[in-house]
Amino acid sequence: MPVTIANSRGMQNRFLEFILYRNQWQLATEDALYSDGTRYEPFKIAFKHAPKEKITALNHSLILGTGLGSIVQILHAKYKTRSAFTLVEYDETILKWALENLSALGIGNLKPHCGYAEDFVRDGKDRYDLICVDIFTGREVPAQFTEMEFLVATKRLLKPGGLWIMNYIVNDALETMKFLGNVKSLFPDVEVIEKNQNMILVAEH
């Protein structure tokens, strides 16, 4: 049975719940589940579709939408990556829980940034081997993260040969078509993987 360890009003969320379930940490809001440790299905699938040699050789990864750090946990546990991670999360409470969780698992080399992802990518100067976009409000990706301005900014931060992965939930067919059109104009060879309502996009620079 899930066990609630803590709950809190976040800086940006009215309700947050920190849950232990089957030996993995979960993060829940009023209407969505955002993390599930190494079981987090969208990125388990994504990394299986990415070239393994690139995943294991990562040096610096950018995670936009940190949750409790499931993406980092999968890369650390399943792929033994030694990557440094820049973690961008707009809710200070979530970021604090993520850092405590990852530190308790012995995962270091973390650079946290509390702020908005669109501001971070617009102003960012560093380049990354991997960029993961996992940003939701409830079960929807906010519109600004599907627009060309944001997508172009993420590509600018990607090293040549780097990997770009985004988790998306399909709610509206026309919006999804527009979003996919934007992505394919930047990454013509993007792989689109459908899993229930999730659409996982994997591309190389």
C-alpha atoms as a PDB file:
ATOM      1  CA  MET A   1       0.000   0.000   0.000  1.00  0.00           C
ATOM      2  CA  PRO A   2       1.254   3.551  -0.694  1.00  0.00           C
ATOM      3  CA  VAL A   3       2.460   5.327   2.454  1.00  0.00           C
ATOM      4  CA  THR A   4       2.372   9.140   2.623  1.00  0.00           C
ATOM      5  CA  ILE A   5       5.614  10.351   4.199  1.00  0.00           C
ATOM      6  CA  ALA A   6       5.004  14.086   3.873  1.00  0.00           C
ATOM      7  CA  ASN A   7       2.545  16.518   2.386  1.00  0.00           C
ATOM      8  CA  SER A   8       2.891  20.214   1.906  1.00  0.00           C
ATOM      9  CA  ARG A   9       1.674  23.256   0.069  1.00  0.00           C
ATOM     10  CA  GLY A  10       4.364  23.921  -2.518  1.00  0.00           C
ATOM     11  CA  MET A  11       5.602  27.292  -3.672  1.00  0.00           C
ATOM     12  CA  GLN A  12       3.721  26.799  -6.951  1.00  0.00           C
ATOM     13  CA  ASN A  13       1.347  23.916  -6.128  1.00  0.00           C
ATOM     14  CA  ARG A  14      -1.560  24.010  -3.680  1.00  0.00           C
ATOM     15  CA  PHE A  15      -1.001  20.402  -2.635  1.00  0.00           C
ATOM     16  CA  LEU A  16       2.018  18.089  -2.802  1.00  0.00           C
ATOM     17  CA  GLU A  17       2.343  14.583  -1.436  1.00  0.00           C
ATOM     18  CA  PHE A  18       5.575  12.617  -0.955  1.00  0.00           C
ATOM     19  CA  ILE A  19       4.725   8.898  -1.109  1.00  0.00           C
ATOM     20  CA  LEU A  20       6.626   5.638  -0.640  1.00  0.00           C
ATOM     21  CA  TYR A  21       5.184   2.859  -2.810  1.00  0.00           C
ATOM     22  CA  ARG A  22       6.825  -0.518  -3.439  1.00  0.00           C
ATOM     23  CA  ASN A  23      10.217   0.867  -2.420  1.00  0.00           C
ATOM     24  CA  GLN A  24      10.099   3.855  -4.796  1.00  0.00           C
ATOM     25  CA  TRP A  25       9.330   7.508  -4.107  1.00  0.00           C
ATOM     26  CA  GLN A  26       6.354   9.103  -5.792  1.00  0.00           C
ATOM     27  CA  LEU A  27       5.341  12.758  -6.048  1.00  0.00           C
ATOM     28  CA  ALA A  28       1.626  13.473  -6.290  1.00  0.00           C
ATOM     29  CA  THR A  29      -0.392  16.641  -6.751  1.00  0.00           C
ATOM     30  CA  GLU A  30      -4.172  16.895  -6.569  1.00  0.00           C
ATOM     31  CA  ASP A  31      -4.633  15.407 -10.036  1.00  0.00           C
ATOM     32  CA  ALA A  32      -1.385  13.812 -11.238  1.00  0.00           C
ATOM     33  CA  LEU A  33       1.541  11.577 -10.337  1.00  0.00           C
ATOM     34  CA  TYR A  34       4.907  13.059 -11.333  1.00  0.00           C
ATOM     35  CA  SER A  35       7.565  10.606 -10.206  1.00  0.00           C
ATOM     36  CA  ASP A  36       7.914   6.896  -9.606  1.00  0.00           C
ATOM     37  CA  GLY A  37      11.611   6.297  -8.962  1.00  0.00           C
ATOM     38  CA  THR A  38      13.266   3.924 -11.417  1.00  0.00           C
ATOM     39  CA  ARG A  39       9.803   2.701 -12.486  1.00  0.00           C
ATOM     40  CA  TYR A  40       8.983   6.017 -14.186  1.00  0.00           C
ATOM     41  CA  GLU A  41       7.667   4.600 -17.448  1.00  0.00           C
ATOM     42  CA  PRO A  42       7.994   7.462 -19.983  1.00  0.00           C
ATOM     43  CA  PHE A  43      11.745   7.785 -19.556  1.00  0.00           C
ATOM     44  CA  LYS A  44      12.372   4.070 -19.116  1.00  0.00           C
ATOM     45  CA  ILE A  45      10.860   3.761 -22.593  1.00  0.00           C
ATOM     46  CA  ALA A  46      12.735   6.782 -23.952  1.00  0.00           C
ATOM     47  CA  PHE A  47      16.154   5.544 -22.877  1.00  0.00           C
ATOM     48  CA  LYS A  48      15.488   2.095 -24.363  1.00  0.00           C
ATOM     49  CA  HIS A  49      14.957   3.824 -27.721  1.00  0.00           C
ATOM     50  CA  ALA A  50      18.093   5.985 -27.451  1.00  0.00           C
ATOM     51  CA  PRO A  51      21.568   4.761 -28.505  1.00  0.00           C
ATOM     52  CA  LYS A  52      22.958   3.039 -25.409  1.00  0.00           C
ATOM     53  CA  GLU A  53      26.511   4.197 -26.100  1.00  0.00           C
ATOM     54  CA  LYS A  54      25.334   7.823 -25.901  1.00  0.00           C
ATOM     55  CA  ILE A  55      23.429   7.258 -22.662  1.00  0.00           C
ATOM     56  CA  THR A  56      26.372   5.606 -20.911  1.00  0.00           C
ATOM     57  CA  ALA A  57      28.815   8.307 -22.124  1.00  0.00           C
ATOM     58  CA  LEU A  58      26.850  11.355 -20.901  1.00  0.00           C
ATOM     59  CA  ASN A  59      28.903  14.129 -19.295  1.00  0.00           C
ATOM     60  CA  HIS A  60      26.347  16.872 -18.626  1.00  0.00           C
ATOM     61  CA  SER A  61      22.567  16.482 -18.682  1.00  0.00           C
ATOM     62  CA  LEU A  62      19.801  19.062 -18.352  1.00  0.00           C
ATOM     63  CA  ILE A  63      16.493  18.018 -16.760  1.00  0.00           C
ATOM     64  CA  LEU A  64      13.638  20.476 -17.295  1.00  0.00           C
ATOM     65  CA  GLY A  65      10.949  19.488 -14.811  1.00  0.00           C
ATOM     66  CA  THR A  66      12.723  17.635 -12.017  1.00  0.00           C
ATOM     67  CA  GLY A  67       9.941  15.973 -10.034  1.00  0.00           C
ATOM     68  CA  LEU A  68      11.677  13.796  -7.430  1.00  0.00           C
ATOM     69  CA  GLY A  69      14.522  13.018  -9.807  1.00  0.00           C
ATOM     70  CA  SER A  70      13.197   9.860 -11.482  1.00  0.00           C
ATOM     71  CA  ILE A  71      15.106  10.590 -14.709  1.00  0.00           C
ATOM     72  CA  VAL A  72      18.356  10.903 -12.781  1.00  0.00           C
ATOM     73  CA  GLN A  73      17.609   7.715 -10.826  1.00  0.00           C
ATOM     74  CA  ILE A  74      16.983   5.694 -13.995  1.00  0.00           C
ATOM     75  CA  LEU A  75      20.200   6.895 -15.610  1.00  0.00           C
ATOM     76  CA  HIS A  76      22.165   6.259 -12.435  1.00  0.00           C
ATOM     77  CA  ALA A  77      20.698   2.820 -11.594  1.00  0.00           C
ATOM     78  CA  LYS A  78      20.104   1.317 -15.036  1.00  0.00           C
ATOM     79  CA  TYR A  79      22.871   2.869 -17.134  1.00  0.00           C
ATOM     80  CA  LYS A  80      25.544   3.654 -14.503  1.00  0.00           C
ATOM     81  CA  THR A  81      25.985   7.123 -15.977  1.00  0.00           C
ATOM     82  CA  ARG A  82      28.522   9.477 -14.402  1.00  0.00           C
ATOM     83  CA  SER A  83      26.831  12.530 -15.857  1.00  0.00           C
ATOM     84  CA  ALA A  84      26.535  15.811 -14.015  1.00  0.00           C
ATOM     85  CA  PHE A  85      22.906  16.967 -13.846  1.00  0.00           C
ATOM     86  CA  THR A  86      21.460  20.461 -13.999  1.00  0.00           C
ATOM     87  CA  LEU A  87      17.982  20.234 -12.459  1.00  0.00           C
ATOM     88  CA  VAL A  88      15.446  22.929 -13.319  1.00  0.00           C
ATOM     89  CA  GLU A  89      12.264  23.006 -11.243  1.00  0.00           C
ATOM     90  CA  TYR A  90       9.954  25.957 -10.554  1.00  0.00           C
ATOM     91  CA  ASP A  91       8.558  24.712  -7.234  1.00  0.00           C
ATOM     92  CA  GLU A  92      11.067  25.160  -4.414  1.00  0.00           C
ATOM     93  CA  THR A  93       9.468  22.457  -2.260  1.00  0.00           C
ATOM     94  CA  ILE A  94       9.656  19.866  -5.046  1.00  0.00           C
ATOM     95  CA  LEU A  95      13.286  20.756  -5.761  1.00  0.00           C
ATOM     96  CA  LYS A  96      14.172  20.443  -2.065  1.00  0.00           C
ATOM     97  CA  TRP A  97      12.549  16.995  -1.866  1.00  0.00           C
ATOM     98  CA  ALA A  98      14.308  15.921  -5.080  1.00  0.00           C
ATOM     99  CA  LEU A  99      17.737  16.924  -3.775  1.00  0.00           C
ATOM    100  CA  GLU A 100      17.127  15.164  -0.451  1.00  0.00           C
ATOM    101  CA  ASN A 101      15.934  12.052  -2.278  1.00  0.00           C
ATOM    102  CA  LEU A 102      18.841  11.912  -4.727  1.00  0.00           C
ATOM    103  CA  SER A 103      21.421  12.652  -2.031  1.00  0.00           C
ATOM    104  CA  ALA A 104      20.022   9.833   0.119  1.00  0.00           C
ATOM    105  CA  LEU A 105      20.545   7.505  -2.863  1.00  0.00           C
ATOM    106  CA  GLY A 106      24.183   8.547  -3.062  1.00  0.00           C
ATOM    107  CA  ILE A 107      23.747  10.546  -6.268  1.00  0.00           C
ATOM    108  CA  GLY A 108      25.877  13.681  -6.414  1.00  0.00           C
ATOM    109  CA  ASN A 109      27.131  16.139  -9.042  1.00  0.00           C
ATOM    110  CA  LEU A 110      23.780  17.949  -9.029  1.00  0.00           C
ATOM    111  CA  LYS A 111      23.314  21.591  -9.949  1.00  0.00           C
ATOM    112  CA  PRO A 112      19.814  22.742  -8.908  1.00  0.00           C
ATOM    113  CA  HIS A 113      18.089  25.757 -10.397  1.00  0.00           C
ATOM    114  CA  CYS A 114      14.764  26.960  -8.996  1.00  0.00           C
ATOM    115  CA  GLY A 115      12.991  28.907 -11.704  1.00  0.00           C
ATOM    116  CA  TYR A 116      11.017  28.732 -14.913  1.00  0.00           C
ATOM    117  CA  ALA A 117      12.283  26.411 -17.643  1.00  0.00           C
ATOM    118  CA  GLU A 118      11.514  28.880 -20.428  1.00  0.00           C
ATOM    119  CA  ASP A 119      13.680  31.529 -18.735  1.00  0.00           C
ATOM    120  CA  PHE A 120      16.481  29.039 -18.138  1.00  0.00           C
ATOM    121  CA  VAL A 121      16.727  27.872 -21.742  1.00  0.00           C
ATOM    122  CA  ARG A 122      16.374  31.388 -23.131  1.00  0.00           C
ATOM    123  CA  ASP A 123      19.259  32.708 -21.021  1.00  0.00           C
ATOM    124  CA  GLY A 124      21.351  29.514 -20.788  1.00  0.00           C
ATOM    125  CA  LYS A 125      24.967  29.465 -21.944  1.00  0.00           C
ATOM    126  CA  ASP A 126      26.033  25.881 -21.157  1.00  0.00           C
ATOM    127  CA  ARG A 127      25.707  23.036 -23.657  1.00  0.00           C
ATOM    128  CA  TYR A 128      24.449  19.554 -22.802  1.00  0.00           C
ATOM    129  CA  ASP A 129      24.787  15.978 -24.046  1.00  0.00           C
ATOM    130  CA  LEU A 130      21.203  15.261 -23.006  1.00  0.00           C
ATOM    131  CA  ILE A 131      18.150  17.473 -22.559  1.00  0.00           C
ATOM    132  CA  CYS A 132      14.991  15.959 -21.042  1.00  0.00           C
ATOM    133  CA  VAL A 133      11.736  17.933 -21.015  1.00  0.00           C
ATOM    134  CA  ASP A 134       9.161  16.596 -18.534  1.00  0.00           C
ATOM    135  CA  ILE A 135       6.975  19.572 -17.653  1.00  0.00           C
ATOM    136  CA  PHE A 136       3.295  19.318 -16.792  1.00  0.00           C
ATOM    137  CA  THR A 137       0.514  21.198 -15.091  1.00  0.00           C
ATOM    138  CA  GLY A 138      -1.801  18.410 -14.018  1.00  0.00           C
ATOM    139  CA  ARG A 139      -1.960  16.159 -17.092  1.00  0.00           C
ATOM    140  CA  GLU A 140      -1.222  18.854 -19.651  1.00  0.00           C
ATOM    141  CA  VAL A 141       1.971  20.305 -21.056  1.00  0.00           C
ATOM    142  CA  PRO A 142       1.636  24.107 -20.754  1.00  0.00           C
ATOM    143  CA  ALA A 143       1.343  25.684 -24.200  1.00  0.00           C
ATOM    144  CA  GLN A 144       4.604  27.646 -24.029  1.00  0.00           C
ATOM    145  CA  PHE A 145       6.588  24.395 -23.966  1.00  0.00           C
ATOM    146  CA  THR A 146       5.174  23.254 -27.290  1.00  0.00           C
ATOM    147  CA  GLU A 147       5.896  26.512 -29.123  1.00  0.00           C
ATOM    148  CA  MET A 148       8.836  27.058 -31.481  1.00  0.00           C
ATOM    149  CA  GLU A 149      10.508  29.675 -29.283  1.00  0.00           C
ATOM    150  CA  PHE A 150      11.001  27.199 -26.431  1.00  0.00           C
ATOM    151  CA  LEU A 151      11.873  24.239 -28.658  1.00  0.00           C
ATOM    152  CA  VAL A 152      14.480  26.261 -30.586  1.00  0.00           C
ATOM    153  CA  ALA A 153      15.998  27.423 -27.300  1.00  0.00           C
ATOM    154  CA  THR A 154      16.369  23.835 -26.069  1.00  0.00           C
ATOM    155  CA  LYS A 155      18.044  22.780 -29.319  1.00  0.00           C
ATOM    156  CA  ARG A 156      20.488  25.685 -29.019  1.00  0.00           C
ATOM    157  CA  LEU A 157      21.678  24.262 -25.686  1.00  0.00           C
ATOM    158  CA  LEU A 158      22.228  20.782 -27.149  1.00  0.00           C
ATOM    159  CA  LYS A 159      25.715  19.710 -28.156  1.00  0.00           C
ATOM    160  CA  PRO A 160      26.182  18.317 -31.685  1.00  0.00           C
ATOM    161  CA  GLY A 161      25.247  14.649 -31.487  1.00  0.00           C
ATOM    162  CA  GLY A 162      23.345  15.256 -28.242  1.00  0.00           C
ATOM    163  CA  LEU A 163      20.034  13.640 -27.293  1.00  0.00           C
ATOM    164  CA  TRP A 164      16.742  15.510 -26.880  1.00  0.00           C
ATOM    165  CA  ILE A 165      13.812  13.768 -25.172  1.00  0.00           C
ATOM    166  CA  MET A 166      10.373  15.133 -24.337  1.00  0.00           C
ATOM    167  CA  ASN A 167       7.413  13.578 -22.557  1.00  0.00           C
ATOM    168  CA  TYR A 168       4.024  14.788 -23.808  1.00  0.00           C
ATOM    169  CA  ILE A 169       0.417  13.867 -23.039  1.00  0.00           C
ATOM    170  CA  VAL A 170      -2.114  13.956 -25.856  1.00  0.00           C
ATOM    171  CA  ASN A 171      -5.256  15.871 -24.903  1.00  0.00           C
ATOM    172  CA  ASP A 172      -6.229  17.607 -28.145  1.00  0.00           C
ATOM    173  CA  ALA A 173      -5.561  16.246 -31.651  1.00  0.00           C
ATOM    174  CA  LEU A 174      -5.057  19.641 -33.331  1.00  0.00           C
ATOM    175  CA  GLU A 175      -2.694  20.890 -30.629  1.00  0.00           C
ATOM    176  CA  THR A 176      -0.737  17.643 -30.874  1.00  0.00           C
ATOM    177  CA  MET A 177      -0.407  17.964 -34.663  1.00  0.00           C
ATOM    178  CA  LYS A 178       0.892  21.520 -34.321  1.00  0.00           C
ATOM    179  CA  PHE A 179       3.354  20.490 -31.621  1.00  0.00           C
ATOM    180  CA  LEU A 180       4.651  17.541 -33.664  1.00  0.00           C
ATOM    181  CA  GLY A 181       5.036  19.821 -36.674  1.00  0.00           C
ATOM    182  CA  ASN A 182       7.185  22.174 -34.616  1.00  0.00           C
ATOM    183  CA  VAL A 183       9.360  19.338 -33.313  1.00  0.00           C
ATOM    184  CA  LYS A 184       9.813  17.721 -36.731  1.00  0.00           C
ATOM    185  CA  SER A 185      10.868  21.034 -38.263  1.00  0.00           C
ATOM    186  CA  LEU A 186      13.763  21.098 -35.775  1.00  0.00           C
ATOM    187  CA  PHE A 187      14.451  17.357 -35.518  1.00  0.00           C
ATOM    188  CA  PRO A 188      13.370  15.751 -38.837  1.00  0.00           C
ATOM    189  CA  ASP A 189      14.323  12.248 -37.665  1.00  0.00           C
ATOM    190  CA  VAL A 190      12.560  12.398 -34.285  1.00  0.00           C
ATOM    191  CA  GLU A 191      11.220   9.070 -33.062  1.00  0.00           C
ATOM    192  CA  VAL A 192       7.673   9.273 -31.719  1.00  0.00           C
ATOM    193  CA  ILE A 193       6.726   6.536 -29.239  1.00  0.00           C
ATOM    194  CA  GLU A 194       3.117   6.236 -28.082  1.00  0.00           C
ATOM    195  CA  LYS A 195       2.297   4.649 -24.739  1.00  0.00           C
ATOM    196  CA  ASN A 196      -1.349   5.002 -23.718  1.00  0.00           C
ATOM    197  CA  GLN A 197      -1.959   8.775 -23.556  1.00  0.00           C
ATOM    198  CA  ASN A 198       1.751   9.578 -23.389  1.00  0.00           C
ATOM    199  CA  MET A 199       3.768  10.504 -26.453  1.00  0.00           C
ATOM    200  CA  ILE A 200       7.532  10.244 -25.943  1.00  0.00           C
ATOM    201  CA  LEU A 201       9.791  12.002 -28.447  1.00  0.00           C
ATOM    202  CA  VAL A 202      13.447  11.010 -28.870  1.00  0.00           C
ATOM    203  CA  ALA A 203      15.749  12.943 -31.214  1.00  0.00           C
ATOM    204  CA  GLU A 204      19.427  13.496 -31.908  1.00  0.00           C
ATOM    205  CA  HIS A 205      20.973  16.827 -32.810  1.00  0.00           C
END
